[in-house]
Amino acid sequence: MRLRFAKMQAQGNDFVILDGRHQALPEMSEERVALLADRRLGIGCDQVLVLSPDTEADVRMRMRIYNPDGGEAGNCGNGLRCAGWLLLKDSDQE
């Protein structure tokens, strides 16, 4: 499966961003995330961010954050900066 992704950085951290608002995404297993984050075998990053649409009123997207070992993180300010930039960029095109 081919996936479109963005690779962004903020304040010295780098992120692979998979935008499920614009493409279907596979299940994000720990193994898949770890492979994407691997700097020798995958794309390489500090964290993988997965964006998805939301159906709640006034909610434009949801974001899940994964650490390089595949485990899910609770939050990431620098990652949120990158996701926010993508959201603003999309808003400019509407």
Protein backbone atom coordinates (compact mmCIF):
# COMPACT_ATOMS: atom_id res chain seq x y z
CA MET A 1 0.00 0.00 0.00
CA ARG A 2 1.29 3.44 -0.91
CA LEU A 3 0.70 6.21 1.58
CA ARG A 4 1.12 9.92 1.09
CA PHE A 5 2.80 11.54 4.05
CA ALA A 6 4.35 14.80 5.13
CA LYS A 7 7.60 15.05 7.02
CA MET A 8 7.81 18.15 9.15
CA GLN A 9 9.92 19.50 11.97
CA ALA A 10 9.29 21.89 14.82
CA GLN A 11 11.81 23.03 17.41
CA GLY A 12 14.26 20.25 16.52
CA ASN A 13 11.77 17.34 16.52
CA ASP A 14 10.78 15.68 13.27
CA PHE A 15 7.46 14.05 12.47
CA VAL A 16 5.93 11.79 9.86
CA ILE A 17 2.34 12.92 9.37
CA LEU A 18 -0.27 10.64 7.83
CA ASP A 19 -3.39 12.59 6.94
CA GLY A 20 -6.44 10.34 7.07
CA ARG A 21 -8.66 13.28 6.17
CA HIS A 22 -7.51 12.94 2.55
CA GLN A 23 -6.75 9.22 2.18
CA ALA A 24 -7.71 5.87 3.67
CA LEU A 25 -5.14 4.69 6.20
CA PRO A 26 -4.34 1.16 7.33
CA GLU A 27 -4.54 0.14 10.98
CA MET A 28 -1.63 1.71 12.84
CA SER A 29 -0.14 -1.29 14.63
CA GLU A 30 2.89 -0.87 16.87
CA GLU A 31 4.99 -2.72 14.27
CA ARG A 32 3.86 -0.48 11.39
CA VAL A 33 4.53 2.69 13.38
CA ALA A 34 7.95 1.43 14.54
CA LEU A 35 8.91 0.66 10.92
CA LEU A 36 7.81 4.11 9.70
CA ALA A 37 9.77 5.79 12.51
CA ASP A 38 12.94 3.71 12.01
CA ARG A 39 15.69 5.97 10.67
CA ARG A 40 17.48 3.13 8.84
CA LEU A 41 14.61 1.07 7.44
CA GLY A 42 11.69 3.52 7.32
CA ILE A 43 11.16 7.22 6.87
CA GLY A 44 12.58 8.07 10.27
CA CYS A 45 11.16 10.45 12.84
CA ASP A 46 10.75 11.30 16.50
CA GLN A 47 7.00 10.67 16.34
CA VAL A 48 4.30 9.59 13.88
CA LEU A 49 1.17 11.76 13.80
CA VAL A 50 -2.06 10.36 12.39
CA LEU A 51 -4.76 12.87 11.49
CA SER A 52 -8.36 11.80 11.00
CA PRO A 53 -11.65 13.57 10.27
CA ASP A 54 -14.21 14.03 13.01
CA THR A 55 -17.97 14.22 12.82
CA GLU A 56 -18.50 16.31 15.96
CA ALA A 57 -19.65 19.89 15.45
CA ASP A 58 -16.82 22.42 15.49
CA VAL A 59 -14.11 19.71 15.42
CA ARG A 60 -12.01 19.80 12.24
CA MET A 61 -9.77 16.81 12.95
CA ARG A 62 -8.43 14.40 15.52
CA MET A 63 -4.76 13.57 16.01
CA ARG A 64 -3.14 10.46 17.43
CA ILE A 65 0.53 10.57 18.37
CA TYR A 66 2.84 7.56 18.27
CA ASN A 67 6.34 7.24 19.66
CA PRO A 68 9.10 5.53 17.61
CA ASP A 69 8.54 2.23 19.46
CA GLY A 70 4.92 2.17 18.27
CA GLY A 71 3.35 3.10 21.59
CA GLU A 72 0.82 5.90 21.73
CA ALA A 73 1.73 9.20 23.38
CA GLY A 74 -0.65 11.45 25.27
CA ASN A 75 0.43 14.75 23.75
CA CYS A 76 3.13 16.56 21.82
CA GLY A 77 3.25 20.33 21.57
CA ASN A 78 5.71 20.42 18.68
CA GLY A 79 3.66 17.87 16.75
CA LEU A 80 0.55 19.93 17.36
CA ARG A 81 2.31 22.92 15.78
CA CYS A 82 2.86 20.90 12.60
CA ALA A 83 -0.70 19.54 12.51
CA GLY A 84 -2.05 23.04 13.15
CA TRP A 85 -0.06 24.40 10.22
CA LEU A 86 -1.57 21.73 7.93
CA LEU A 87 -5.06 22.56 9.18
CA LEU A 88 -4.53 26.29 8.55
CA LYS A 89 -3.13 25.55 5.09
CA ASP A 90 -6.28 23.54 4.26
CA SER A 91 -8.47 26.39 5.58
CA ASP A 92 -6.75 28.81 3.22
CA GLN A 93 -7.73 26.62 0.26
CA GLU A 94 -11.45 26.46 1.14
